[in-house]
Amino acid sequence: MEILKNVILAIHIIGVAALLGGVLYQLGAMRQGKGRILTAMMHGAWTMLATGILLVGLQYPLGHEVNNAKVTVKLVVLVAIIVIALVNRKKDAVASWVLPTIGGLTVLNVLLATVWR
């Protein structure tokens, strides 16, 4: 069961990389006012959500305590990312605040995961 948890965690991290990598890839386009939501960013966000739910669900059979406050805050941040991305995904060029907000919220989620114990 622990191996399964680690595999799902690796996939979760790949989702983070896809989301944050998409934001970083768009930096040049963002400066020109042509930044957009990439498909990889959407896939990364959905991957983070699905694997995050699985990771929390696997904590119970493994006998680990779940910090529900931390999980809730991380979920709210991820839902905000998904909503912003969904609203703006079909636009040819998003507003100047969209990509930095998604990037900042993604970094916030990583910090919450690593710093909050």
PDB file of N, CA and C in Angstrom:
ATOM      1  N   MET A   1       0.830  -1.194   0.000  1.00  0.00           N
ATOM      2  CA  MET A   1       0.000   0.000   0.000  1.00  0.00           C
ATOM      3  C   MET A   1       0.872   1.254   0.000  1.00  0.00           C
ATOM      4  N   GLU A   2       1.986   1.182   0.684  1.00  0.00           N
ATOM      5  CA  GLU A   2       2.905   2.327   0.738  1.00  0.00           C
ATOM      6  C   GLU A   2       3.494   2.620  -0.646  1.00  0.00           C
ATOM      7  N   ILE A   3       3.766   1.565  -1.416  1.00  0.00           N
ATOM      8  CA  ILE A   3       4.289   1.753  -2.776  1.00  0.00           C
ATOM      9  C   ILE A   3       3.252   2.459  -3.635  1.00  0.00           C
ATOM     10  N   LEU A   4       1.994   2.056  -3.513  1.00  0.00           N
ATOM     11  CA  LEU A   4       0.913   2.702  -4.261  1.00  0.00           C
ATOM     12  C   LEU A   4       0.832   4.180  -3.909  1.00  0.00           C
ATOM     13  N   LYS A   5       0.935   4.495  -2.628  1.00  0.00           N
ATOM     14  CA  LYS A   5       0.902   5.896  -2.192  1.00  0.00           C
ATOM     15  C   LYS A   5       2.048   6.687  -2.813  1.00  0.00           C
ATOM     16  N   ASN A   6       3.233   6.108  -2.857  1.00  0.00           N
ATOM     17  CA  ASN A   6       4.384   6.804  -3.430  1.00  0.00           C
ATOM     18  C   ASN A   6       4.243   6.998  -4.938  1.00  0.00           C
ATOM     19  N   VAL A   7       3.656   6.028  -5.633  1.00  0.00           N
ATOM     20  CA  VAL A   7       3.412   6.173  -7.077  1.00  0.00           C
ATOM     21  C   VAL A   7       2.409   7.301  -7.322  1.00  0.00           C
ATOM     22  N   ILE A   8       1.350   7.326  -6.532  1.00  0.00           N
ATOM     23  CA  ILE A   8       0.347   8.387  -6.680  1.00  0.00           C
ATOM     24  C   ILE A   8       0.956   9.742  -6.334  1.00  0.00           C
ATOM     25  N   LEU A   9       1.808   9.789  -5.325  1.00  0.00           N
ATOM     26  CA  LEU A   9       2.486  11.035  -4.980  1.00  0.00           C
ATOM     27  C   LEU A   9       3.364  11.520  -6.135  1.00  0.00           C
ATOM     28  N   ALA A  10       4.059  10.600  -6.796  1.00  0.00           N
ATOM     29  CA  ALA A  10       4.889  10.971  -7.948  1.00  0.00           C
ATOM     30  C   ALA A  10       4.027  11.548  -9.065  1.00  0.00           C
ATOM     31  N   ILE A  11       2.875  10.951  -9.315  1.00  0.00           N
ATOM     32  CA  ILE A  11       1.967  11.466 -10.347  1.00  0.00           C
ATOM     33  C   ILE A  11       1.432  12.840  -9.929  1.00  0.00           C
ATOM     34  N   HIS A  12       1.176  13.011  -8.644  1.00  0.00           N
ATOM     35  CA  HIS A  12       0.728  14.311  -8.120  1.00  0.00           C
ATOM     36  C   HIS A  12       1.783  15.389  -8.396  1.00  0.00           C
ATOM     37  N   ILE A  13       3.035  15.059  -8.163  1.00  0.00           N
ATOM     38  CA  ILE A  13       4.131  16.003  -8.401  1.00  0.00           C
ATOM     39  C   ILE A  13       4.262  16.311  -9.892  1.00  0.00           C
ATOM     40  N   ILE A  14       4.035  15.322 -10.742  1.00  0.00           N
ATOM     41  CA  ILE A  14       4.044  15.565 -12.190  1.00  0.00           C
ATOM     42  C   ILE A  14       2.935  16.544 -12.565  1.00  0.00           C
ATOM     43  N   GLY A  15       1.780  16.439 -11.916  1.00  0.00           N
ATOM     44  CA  GLY A  15       0.692  17.397 -12.141  1.00  0.00           C
ATOM     45  C   GLY A  15       1.093  18.815 -11.762  1.00  0.00           C
ATOM     46  N   VAL A  16       1.769  18.940 -10.633  1.00  0.00           N
ATOM     47  CA  VAL A  16       2.268  20.260 -10.209  1.00  0.00           C
ATOM     48  C   VAL A  16       3.244  20.805 -11.250  1.00  0.00           C
ATOM     49  N   ALA A  17       4.132  19.938 -11.728  1.00  0.00           N
ATOM     50  CA  ALA A  17       5.125  20.356 -12.720  1.00  0.00           C
ATOM     51  C   ALA A  17       4.456  20.797 -14.017  1.00  0.00           C
ATOM     52  N   ALA A  18       3.417  20.093 -14.432  1.00  0.00           N
ATOM     53  CA  ALA A  18       2.708  20.468 -15.661  1.00  0.00           C
ATOM     54  C   ALA A  18       2.036  21.822 -15.501  1.00  0.00           C
ATOM     55  N   LEU A  19       1.424  22.052 -14.362  1.00  0.00           N
ATOM     56  CA  LEU A  19       0.738  23.321 -14.122  1.00  0.00           C
ATOM     57  C   LEU A  19       1.726  24.476 -14.021  1.00  0.00           C
ATOM     58  N   LEU A  20       2.729  24.327 -13.177  1.00  0.00           N
ATOM     59  CA  LEU A  20       3.700  25.398 -12.997  1.00  0.00           C
ATOM     60  C   LEU A  20       4.567  25.576 -14.238  1.00  0.00           C
ATOM     61  N   GLY A  21       4.911  24.468 -14.886  1.00  0.00           N
ATOM     62  CA  GLY A  21       5.694  24.539 -16.120  1.00  0.00           C
ATOM     63  C   GLY A  21       4.950  25.277 -17.220  1.00  0.00           C
ATOM     64  N   GLY A  22       3.644  25.068 -17.299  1.00  0.00           N
ATOM     65  CA  GLY A  22       2.838  25.782 -18.282  1.00  0.00           C
ATOM     66  C   GLY A  22       2.841  27.279 -18.044  1.00  0.00           C
ATOM     67  N   VAL A  23       2.766  27.672 -16.783  1.00  0.00           N
ATOM     68  CA  VAL A  23       2.821  29.100 -16.448  1.00  0.00           C
ATOM     69  C   VAL A  23       4.185  29.675 -16.833  1.00  0.00           C
ATOM     70  N   LEU A  24       5.246  28.981 -16.470  1.00  0.00           N
ATOM     71  CA  LEU A  24       6.594  29.463 -16.783  1.00  0.00           C
ATOM     72  C   LEU A  24       6.825  29.516 -18.296  1.00  0.00           C
ATOM     73  N   TYR A  25       6.290  28.544 -19.020  1.00  0.00           N
ATOM     74  CA  TYR A  25       6.423  28.518 -20.475  1.00  0.00           C
ATOM     75  C   TYR A  25       5.747  29.731 -21.116  1.00  0.00           C
ATOM     76  N   GLN A  26       4.712  30.231 -20.482  1.00  0.00           N
ATOM     77  CA  GLN A  26       3.953  31.354 -21.030  1.00  0.00           C
ATOM     78  C   GLN A  26       4.532  32.729 -20.659  1.00  0.00           C
ATOM     79  N   LEU A  27       5.650  32.785 -19.946  1.00  0.00           N
ATOM     80  CA  LEU A  27       6.207  34.070 -19.520  1.00  0.00           C
ATOM     81  C   LEU A  27       6.468  35.008 -20.689  1.00  0.00           C
ATOM     82  N   GLY A  28       7.075  34.496 -21.749  1.00  0.00           N
ATOM     83  CA  GLY A  28       7.353  35.342 -22.909  1.00  0.00           C
ATOM     84  C   GLY A  28       6.082  35.858 -23.554  1.00  0.00           C
ATOM     85  N   ALA A  29       5.112  34.974 -23.723  1.00  0.00           N
ATOM     86  CA  ALA A  29       3.837  35.378 -24.316  1.00  0.00           C
ATOM     87  C   ALA A  29       3.104  36.342 -23.396  1.00  0.00           C
ATOM     88  N   MET A  30       3.259  36.149 -22.093  1.00  0.00           N
ATOM     89  CA  MET A  30       2.607  37.028 -21.122  1.00  0.00           C
ATOM     90  C   MET A  30       3.126  38.456 -21.260  1.00  0.00           C
ATOM     91  N   ARG A  31       4.419  38.602 -21.468  1.00  0.00           N
ATOM     92  CA  ARG A  31       5.006  39.939 -21.614  1.00  0.00           C
ATOM     93  C   ARG A  31       4.468  40.660 -22.835  1.00  0.00           C
ATOM     94  N   GLN A  32       4.100  39.886 -23.861  1.00  0.00           N
ATOM     95  CA  GLN A  32       3.551  40.466 -25.092  1.00  0.00           C
ATOM     96  C   GLN A  32       2.031  40.590 -25.041  1.00  0.00           C
ATOM     97  N   GLY A  33       1.436  40.197 -23.917  1.00  0.00           N
ATOM     98  CA  GLY A  33      -0.014  40.265 -23.778  1.00  0.00           C
ATOM     99  C   GLY A  33      -0.740  39.142 -24.496  1.00  0.00           C
ATOM    100  N   LYS A  34      -0.032  38.051 -24.790  1.00  0.00           N
ATOM    101  CA  LYS A  34      -0.633  36.940 -25.527  1.00  0.00           C
ATOM    102  C   LYS A  34      -0.645  35.644 -24.726  1.00  0.00           C
ATOM    103  N   GLY A  35      -0.504  35.742 -23.421  1.00  0.00           N
ATOM    104  CA  GLY A  35      -0.500  34.548 -22.586  1.00  0.00           C
ATOM    105  C   GLY A  35      -1.847  33.851 -22.624  1.00  0.00           C
ATOM    106  N   ARG A  36      -1.827  32.531 -22.514  1.00  0.00           N
ATOM    107  CA  ARG A  36      -3.072  31.764 -22.535  1.00  0.00           C
ATOM    108  C   ARG A  36      -2.943  30.538 -21.635  1.00  0.00           C
ATOM    109  N   ILE A  37      -4.053  29.892 -21.397  1.00  0.00           N
ATOM    110  CA  ILE A  37      -4.086  28.681 -20.595  1.00  0.00           C
ATOM    111  C   ILE A  37      -3.784  27.508 -21.526  1.00  0.00           C
ATOM    112  N   LEU A  38      -2.726  26.780 -21.234  1.00  0.00           N
ATOM    113  CA  LEU A  38      -2.345  25.634 -22.048  1.00  0.00           C
ATOM    114  C   LEU A  38      -3.096  24.385 -21.593  1.00  0.00           C
ATOM    115  N   THR A  39      -3.269  23.458 -22.524  1.00  0.00           N
ATOM    116  CA  THR A  39      -3.927  22.186 -22.200  1.00  0.00           C
ATOM    117  C   THR A  39      -3.174  21.460 -21.098  1.00  0.00           C
ATOM    118  N   ALA A  40      -1.859  21.513 -21.142  1.00  0.00           N
ATOM    119  CA  ALA A  40      -1.047  20.842 -20.118  1.00  0.00           C
ATOM    120  C   ALA A  40      -1.338  21.407 -18.725  1.00  0.00           C
ATOM    121  N   MET A  41      -1.627  22.686 -18.648  1.00  0.00           N
ATOM    122  CA  MET A  41      -1.949  23.292 -17.357  1.00  0.00           C
ATOM    123  C   MET A  41      -3.262  22.729 -16.816  1.00  0.00           C
ATOM    124  N   MET A  42      -4.249  22.581 -17.694  1.00  0.00           N
ATOM    125  CA  MET A  42      -5.530  22.012 -17.269  1.00  0.00           C
ATOM    126  C   MET A  42      -5.348  20.563 -16.820  1.00  0.00           C
ATOM    127  N   HIS A  43      -4.596  19.796 -17.618  1.00  0.00           N
ATOM    128  CA  HIS A  43      -4.354  18.403 -17.250  1.00  0.00           C
ATOM    129  C   HIS A  43      -3.602  18.319 -15.923  1.00  0.00           C
ATOM    130  N   GLY A  44      -2.639  19.199 -15.716  1.00  0.00           N
ATOM    131  CA  GLY A  44      -1.895  19.217 -14.463  1.00  0.00           C
ATOM    132  C   GLY A  44      -2.788  19.507 -13.268  1.00  0.00           C
ATOM    133  N   ALA A  45      -3.689  20.482 -13.413  1.00  0.00           N
ATOM    134  CA  ALA A  45      -4.593  20.843 -12.317  1.00  0.00           C
ATOM    135  C   ALA A  45      -5.546  19.690 -11.991  1.00  0.00           C
ATOM    136  N   TRP A  46      -6.120  19.077 -13.016  1.00  0.00           N
ATOM    137  CA  TRP A  46      -7.032  17.950 -12.782  1.00  0.00           C
ATOM    138  C   TRP A  46      -6.281  16.751 -12.199  1.00  0.00           C
ATOM    139  N   THR A  47      -5.047  16.543 -12.655  1.00  0.00           N
ATOM    140  CA  THR A  47      -4.230  15.456 -12.108  1.00  0.00           C
ATOM    141  C   THR A  47      -3.951  15.702 -10.629  1.00  0.00           C
ATOM    142  N   MET A  48      -3.635  16.950 -10.283  1.00  0.00           N
ATOM    143  CA  MET A  48      -3.402  17.287  -8.884  1.00  0.00           C
ATOM    144  C   MET A  48      -4.640  17.006  -8.039  1.00  0.00           C
ATOM    145  N   LEU A  49      -5.811  17.353  -8.559  1.00  0.00           N
ATOM    146  CA  LEU A  49      -7.048  17.139  -7.800  1.00  0.00           C
ATOM    147  C   LEU A  49      -7.310  15.645  -7.593  1.00  0.00           C
ATOM    148  N   ALA A  50      -7.239  14.874  -8.671  1.00  0.00           N
ATOM    149  CA  ALA A  50      -7.536  13.440  -8.571  1.00  0.00           C
ATOM    150  C   ALA A  50      -6.539  12.720  -7.669  1.00  0.00           C
ATOM    151  N   THR A  51      -5.259  12.992  -7.869  1.00  0.00           N
ATOM    152  CA  THR A  51      -4.258  12.304  -7.057  1.00  0.00           C
ATOM    153  C   THR A  51      -4.262  12.799  -5.615  1.00  0.00           C
ATOM    154  N   GLY A  52      -4.602  14.069  -5.412  1.00  0.00           N
ATOM    155  CA  GLY A  52      -4.703  14.590  -4.049  1.00  0.00           C
ATOM    156  C   GLY A  52      -5.806  13.900  -3.270  1.00  0.00           C
ATOM    157  N   ILE A  53      -6.937  13.688  -3.929  1.00  0.00           N
ATOM    158  CA  ILE A  53      -8.044  12.971  -3.279  1.00  0.00           C
ATOM    159  C   ILE A  53      -7.617  11.537  -2.950  1.00  0.00           C
ATOM    160  N   LEU A  54      -6.937  10.899  -3.907  1.00  0.00           N
ATOM    161  CA  LEU A  54      -6.456   9.531  -3.653  1.00  0.00           C
ATOM    162  C   LEU A  54      -5.449   9.489  -2.510  1.00  0.00           C
ATOM    163  N   LEU A  55      -4.551  10.473  -2.461  1.00  0.00           N
ATOM    164  CA  LEU A  55      -3.549  10.496  -1.390  1.00  0.00           C
ATOM    165  C   LEU A  55      -4.189  10.642  -0.015  1.00  0.00           C
ATOM    166  N   VAL A  56      -5.194  11.498   0.079  1.00  0.00           N
ATOM    167  CA  VAL A  56      -5.880  11.665   1.365  1.00  0.00           C
ATOM    168  C   VAL A  56      -6.625  10.379   1.713  1.00  0.00           C
ATOM    169  N   GLY A  57      -7.291   9.788   0.730  1.00  0.00           N
ATOM    170  CA  GLY A  57      -8.022   8.552   0.979  1.00  0.00           C
ATOM    171  C   GLY A  57      -7.130   7.397   1.398  1.00  0.00           C
ATOM    172  N   LEU A  58      -5.899   7.375   0.921  1.00  0.00           N
ATOM    173  CA  LEU A  58      -4.976   6.301   1.275  1.00  0.00           C
ATOM    174  C   LEU A  58      -4.380   6.461   2.669  1.00  0.00           C
ATOM    175  N   GLN A  59      -4.501   7.630   3.249  1.00  0.00           N
ATOM    176  CA  GLN A  59      -3.931   7.840   4.581  1.00  0.00           C
ATOM    177  C   GLN A  59      -4.656   7.008   5.639  1.00  0.00           C
ATOM    178  N   TYR A  60      -5.954   6.833   5.472  1.00  0.00           N
ATOM    179  CA  TYR A  60      -6.736   6.113   6.473  1.00  0.00           C
ATOM    180  C   TYR A  60      -6.363   4.630   6.554  1.00  0.00           C
ATOM    181  N   PRO A  61      -6.317   3.893   5.429  1.00  0.00           N
ATOM    182  CA  PRO A  61      -5.925   2.479   5.556  1.00  0.00           C
ATOM    183  C   PRO A  61      -4.466   2.295   5.990  1.00  0.00           C
ATOM    184  N   LEU A  62      -3.637   3.304   5.742  1.00  0.00           N
ATOM    185  CA  LEU A  62      -2.241   3.212   6.164  1.00  0.00           C
ATOM    186  C   LEU A  62      -2.067   3.551   7.640  1.00  0.00           C
ATOM    187  N   GLY A  63      -3.140   4.001   8.282  1.00  0.00           N
ATOM    188  CA  GLY A  63      -3.089   4.306   9.709  1.00  0.00           C
ATOM    189  C   GLY A  63      -2.482   5.654  10.039  1.00  0.00           C
ATOM    190  N   HIS A  64      -2.394   6.552   9.070  1.00  0.00           N
ATOM    191  CA  HIS A  64      -1.827   7.882   9.306  1.00  0.00           C
ATOM    192  C   HIS A  64      -2.931   8.874   9.667  1.00  0.00           C
ATOM    193  N   GLU A  65      -2.561   9.841  10.472  1.00  0.00           N
ATOM    194  CA  GLU A  65      -3.476  10.931  10.794  1.00  0.00           C
ATOM    195  C   GLU A  65      -3.560  11.889   9.610  1.00  0.00           C
ATOM    196  N   VAL A  66      -4.733  12.440   9.379  1.00  0.00           N
ATOM    197  CA  VAL A  66      -4.933  13.407   8.296  1.00  0.00           C
ATOM    198  C   VAL A  66      -5.165  14.772   8.923  1.00  0.00           C
ATOM    199  N   ASN A  67      -4.407  15.755   8.469  1.00  0.00           N
ATOM    200  CA  ASN A  67      -4.585  17.128   8.915  1.00  0.00           C
ATOM    201  C   ASN A  67      -5.678  17.743   8.032  1.00  0.00           C
ATOM    202  N   ASN A  68      -6.917  17.681   8.513  1.00  0.00           N
ATOM    203  CA  ASN A  68      -8.053  18.122   7.709  1.00  0.00           C
ATOM    204  C   ASN A  68      -8.014  19.608   7.385  1.00  0.00           C
ATOM    205  N   ALA A  69      -7.476  20.412   8.275  1.00  0.00           N
ATOM    206  CA  ALA A  69      -7.373  21.847   7.999  1.00  0.00           C
ATOM    207  C   ALA A  69      -6.434  22.092   6.816  1.00  0.00           C
ATOM    208  N   LYS A  70      -5.300  21.428   6.817  1.00  0.00           N
ATOM    209  CA  LYS A  70      -4.326  21.568   5.733  1.00  0.00           C
ATOM    210  C   LYS A  70      -4.915  21.087   4.408  1.00  0.00           C
ATOM    211  N   VAL A  71      -5.562  19.936   4.441  1.00  0.00           N
ATOM    212  CA  VAL A  71      -6.161  19.383   3.223  1.00  0.00           C
ATOM    213  C   VAL A  71      -7.230  20.325   2.683  1.00  0.00           C
ATOM    214  N   THR A  72      -8.023  20.897   3.572  1.00  0.00           N
ATOM    215  CA  THR A  72      -9.080  21.813   3.147  1.00  0.00           C
ATOM    216  C   THR A  72      -8.509  23.072   2.513  1.00  0.00           C
ATOM    217  N   VAL A  73      -7.493  23.651   3.123  1.00  0.00           N
ATOM    218  CA  VAL A  73      -6.873  24.864   2.564  1.00  0.00           C
ATOM    219  C   VAL A  73      -6.262  24.563   1.202  1.00  0.00           C
ATOM    220  N   LYS A  74      -5.559  23.437   1.086  1.00  0.00           N
ATOM    221  CA  LYS A  74      -4.955  23.060  -0.193  1.00  0.00           C
ATOM    222  C   LYS A  74      -6.026  22.827  -1.253  1.00  0.00           C
ATOM    223  N   LEU A  75      -7.140  22.214  -0.861  1.00  0.00           N
ATOM    224  CA  LEU A  75      -8.231  21.976  -1.802  1.00  0.00           C
ATOM    225  C   LEU A  75      -8.852  23.289  -2.274  1.00  0.00           C
ATOM    226  N   VAL A  76      -9.050  24.220  -1.367  1.00  0.00           N
ATOM    227  CA  VAL A  76      -9.617  25.526  -1.741  1.00  0.00           C
ATOM    228  C   VAL A  76      -8.686  26.248  -2.720  1.00  0.00           C
ATOM    229  N   VAL A  77      -7.391  26.203  -2.460  1.00  0.00           N
ATOM    230  CA  VAL A  77      -6.422  26.837  -3.365  1.00  0.00           C
ATOM    231  C   VAL A  77      -6.477  26.171  -4.741  1.00  0.00           C
ATOM    232  N   LEU A  78      -6.529  24.852  -4.778  1.00  0.00           N
ATOM    233  CA  LEU A  78      -6.569  24.135  -6.054  1.00  0.00           C
ATOM    234  C   LEU A  78      -7.870  24.391  -6.798  1.00  0.00           C
ATOM    235  N   VAL A  79      -8.980  24.448  -6.084  1.00  0.00           N
ATOM    236  CA  VAL A  79     -10.260  24.761  -6.734  1.00  0.00           C
ATOM    237  C   VAL A  79     -10.211  26.169  -7.328  1.00  0.00           C
ATOM    238  N   ALA A  80      -9.589  27.112  -6.641  1.00  0.00           N
ATOM    239  CA  ALA A  80      -9.438  28.465  -7.185  1.00  0.00           C
ATOM    240  C   ALA A  80      -8.624  28.432  -8.478  1.00  0.00           C
ATOM    241  N   ILE A  81      -7.548  27.648  -8.494  1.00  0.00           N
ATOM    242  CA  ILE A  81      -6.724  27.511  -9.703  1.00  0.00           C
ATOM    243  C   ILE A  81      -7.566  26.948 -10.838  1.00  0.00           C
ATOM    244  N   ILE A  82      -8.313  25.890 -10.563  1.00  0.00           N
ATOM    245  CA  ILE A  82      -9.118  25.240 -11.601  1.00  0.00           C
ATOM    246  C   ILE A  82     -10.193  26.180 -12.126  1.00  0.00           C
ATOM    247  N   VAL A  83     -10.854  26.908 -11.244  1.00  0.00           N
ATOM    248  CA  VAL A  83     -11.904  27.836 -11.675  1.00  0.00           C
ATOM    249  C   VAL A  83     -11.322  28.935 -12.559  1.00  0.00           C
ATOM    250  N   ILE A  84     -10.221  29.527 -12.140  1.00  0.00           N
ATOM    251  CA  ILE A  84      -9.585  30.580 -12.948  1.00  0.00           C
ATOM    252  C   ILE A  84      -9.183  30.026 -14.307  1.00  0.00           C
ATOM    253  N   ALA A  85      -8.615  28.833 -14.317  1.00  0.00           N
ATOM    254  CA  ALA A  85      -8.184  28.223 -15.578  1.00  0.00           C
ATOM    255  C   ALA A  85      -9.376  27.888 -16.468  1.00  0.00           C
ATOM    256  N   LEU A  86     -10.432  27.333 -15.888  1.00  0.00           N
ATOM    257  CA  LEU A  86     -11.611  26.980 -16.684  1.00  0.00           C
ATOM    258  C   LEU A  86     -12.274  28.201 -17.306  1.00  0.00           C
ATOM    259  N   VAL A  87     -12.380  29.263 -16.531  1.00  0.00           N
ATOM    260  CA  VAL A  87     -13.014  30.479 -17.043  1.00  0.00           C
ATOM    261  C   VAL A  87     -12.217  31.080 -18.196  1.00  0.00           C
ATOM    262  N   ASN A  88     -10.898  30.928 -18.166  1.00  0.00           N
ATOM    263  CA  ASN A  88     -10.030  31.592 -19.148  1.00  0.00           C
ATOM    264  C   ASN A  88      -9.446  30.663 -20.207  1.00  0.00           C
ATOM    265  N   ARG A  89      -9.778  29.381 -20.195  1.00  0.00           N
ATOM    266  CA  ARG A  89      -9.087  28.421 -21.063  1.00  0.00           C
ATOM    267  C   ARG A  89      -9.342  28.609 -22.544  1.00  0.00           C
ATOM    268  N   LYS A  90     -10.468  29.171 -22.936  1.00  0.00           N
ATOM    269  CA  LYS A  90     -10.773  29.305 -24.365  1.00  0.00           C
ATOM    270  C   LYS A  90     -10.422  30.674 -24.933  1.00  0.00           C
ATOM    271  N   LYS A  91      -9.866  31.528 -24.105  1.00  0.00           N
ATOM    272  CA  LYS A  91      -9.487  32.861 -24.569  1.00  0.00           C
ATOM    273  C   LYS A  91      -8.156  32.796 -25.298  1.00  0.00           C
ATOM    274  N   ASP A  92      -8.046  33.568 -26.386  1.00  0.00           N
ATOM    275  CA  ASP A  92      -6.790  33.619 -27.135  1.00  0.00           C
ATOM    276  C   ASP A  92      -5.686  34.280 -26.314  1.00  0.00           C
ATOM    277  N   ALA A  93      -6.069  35.277 -25.539  1.00  0.00           N
ATOM    278  CA  ALA A  93      -5.121  35.959 -24.655  1.00  0.00           C
ATOM    279  C   ALA A  93      -5.844  36.268 -23.347  1.00  0.00           C
ATOM    280  N   VAL A  94      -5.272  35.817 -22.257  1.00  0.00           N
ATOM    281  CA  VAL A  94      -5.905  36.039 -20.955  1.00  0.00           C
ATOM    282  C   VAL A  94      -5.489  37.394 -20.386  1.00  0.00           C
ATOM    283  N   ALA A  95      -6.221  37.847 -19.393  1.00  0.00           N
ATOM    284  CA  ALA A  95      -5.878  39.099 -18.712  1.00  0.00           C
ATOM    285  C   ALA A  95      -4.503  38.960 -18.054  1.00  0.00           C
ATOM    286  N   SER A  96      -3.873  40.073 -17.828  1.00  0.00           N
ATOM    287  CA  SER A  96      -2.495  40.064 -17.330  1.00  0.00           C
ATOM    288  C   SER A  96      -2.359  39.460 -15.934  1.00  0.00           C
ATOM    289  N   TRP A  97      -3.415  39.366 -15.167  1.00  0.00           N
ATOM    290  CA  TRP A  97      -3.352  38.839 -13.807  1.00  0.00           C
ATOM    291  C   TRP A  97      -3.531  37.325 -13.738  1.00  0.00           C
ATOM    292  N   VAL A  98      -4.055  36.703 -14.792  1.00  0.00           N
ATOM    293  CA  VAL A  98      -4.467  35.300 -14.737  1.00  0.00           C
ATOM    294  C   VAL A  98      -3.279  34.361 -14.516  1.00  0.00           C
ATOM    295  N   LEU A  99      -2.291  34.401 -15.380  1.00  0.00           N
ATOM    296  CA  LEU A  99      -1.159  33.468 -15.269  1.00  0.00           C
ATOM    297  C   LEU A  99      -0.326  33.690 -14.009  1.00  0.00           C
ATOM    298  N   PRO A 100      -0.024  34.943 -13.631  1.00  0.00           N
ATOM    299  CA  PRO A 100       0.700  35.112 -12.358  1.00  0.00           C
ATOM    300  C   PRO A 100      -0.099  34.610 -11.154  1.00  0.00           C
ATOM    301  N   THR A 101      -1.408  34.762 -11.197  1.00  0.00           N
ATOM    302  CA  THR A 101      -2.242  34.275 -10.093  1.00  0.00           C
ATOM    303  C   THR A 101      -2.212  32.754 -10.026  1.00  0.00           C
ATOM    304  N   ILE A 102      -2.348  32.106 -11.180  1.00  0.00           N
ATOM    305  CA  ILE A 102      -2.285  30.641 -11.206  1.00  0.00           C
ATOM    306  C   ILE A 102      -0.910  30.164 -10.727  1.00  0.00           C
ATOM    307  N   GLY A 103       0.147  30.803 -11.199  1.00  0.00           N
ATOM    308  CA  GLY A 103       1.493  30.441 -10.766  1.00  0.00           C
ATOM    309  C   GLY A 103       1.690  30.653  -9.276  1.00  0.00           C
ATOM    310  N   GLY A 104       1.238  31.788  -8.775  1.00  0.00           N
ATOM    311  CA  GLY A 104       1.368  32.090  -7.346  1.00  0.00           C
ATOM    312  C   GLY A 104       0.583  31.121  -6.480  1.00  0.00           C
ATOM    313  N   LEU A 105      -0.638  30.792  -6.896  1.00  0.00           N
ATOM    314  CA  LEU A 105      -1.444  29.843  -6.132  1.00  0.00           C
ATOM    315  C   LEU A 105      -0.827  28.442  -6.161  1.00  0.00           C
ATOM    316  N   THR A 106      -0.218  28.086  -7.286  1.00  0.00           N
ATOM    317  CA  THR A 106       0.452  26.786  -7.374  1.00  0.00           C
ATOM    318  C   THR A 106       1.644  26.732  -6.418  1.00  0.00           C
ATOM    319  N   VAL A 107       2.432  27.787  -6.398  1.00  0.00           N
ATOM    320  CA  VAL A 107       3.564  27.854  -5.467  1.00  0.00           C
ATOM    321  C   VAL A 107       3.056  27.837  -4.026  1.00  0.00           C
ATOM    322  N   LEU A 108       1.969  28.549  -3.763  1.00  0.00           N
ATOM    323  CA  LEU A 108       1.374  28.533  -2.427  1.00  0.00           C
ATOM    324  C   LEU A 108       0.984  27.111  -2.029  1.00  0.00           C
ATOM    325  N   ASN A 109       0.395  26.373  -2.960  1.00  0.00           N
ATOM    326  CA  ASN A 109       0.009  25.000  -2.677  1.00  0.00           C
ATOM    327  C   ASN A 109       1.222  24.122  -2.363  1.00  0.00           C
ATOM    328  N   VAL A 110       2.303  24.308  -3.093  1.00  0.00           N
ATOM    329  CA  VAL A 110       3.526  23.562  -2.820  1.00  0.00           C
ATOM    330  C   VAL A 110       4.071  23.925  -1.435  1.00  0.00           C
ATOM    331  N   LEU A 111       4.062  25.204  -1.109  1.00  0.00           N
ATOM    332  CA  LEU A 111       4.536  25.642   0.211  1.00  0.00           C
ATOM    333  C   LEU A 111       3.665  25.081   1.328  1.00  0.00           C
ATOM    334  N   LEU A 112       2.352  25.081   1.112  1.00  0.00           N
ATOM    335  CA  LEU A 112       1.464  24.506   2.124  1.00  0.00           C
ATOM    336  C   LEU A 112       1.770  23.019   2.330  1.00  0.00           C
ATOM    337  N   ALA A 113       2.054  22.330   1.250  1.00  0.00           N
ATOM    338  CA  ALA A 113       2.333  20.894   1.330  1.00  0.00           C
ATOM    339  C   ALA A 113       3.636  20.609   2.066  1.00  0.00           C
ATOM    340  N   THR A 114       4.613  21.460   1.869  1.00  0.00           N
ATOM    341  CA  THR A 114       5.942  21.171   2.421  1.00  0.00           C
ATOM    342  C   THR A 114       6.223  21.834   3.765  1.00  0.00           C
ATOM    343  N   VAL A 115       5.657  22.999   4.011  1.00  0.00           N
ATOM    344  CA  VAL A 115       5.980  23.747   5.230  1.00  0.00           C
ATOM    345  C   VAL A 115       4.988  23.442   6.357  1.00  0.00           C
ATOM    346  N   TRP A 116       3.714  23.323   6.013  1.00  0.00           N
ATOM    347  CA  TRP A 116       2.690  23.094   7.037  1.00  0.00           C
ATOM    348  C   TRP A 116       2.731  21.633   7.490  1.00  0.00           C
ATOM    349  N   ARG A 117       3.028  21.406   8.737  1.00  0.00           N
ATOM    350  CA  ARG A 117       3.101  20.039   9.275  1.00  0.00           C
ATOM    351  C   ARG A 117       1.955  19.773  10.146  1.00  0.00           C
TER     352      ARG A 117
END
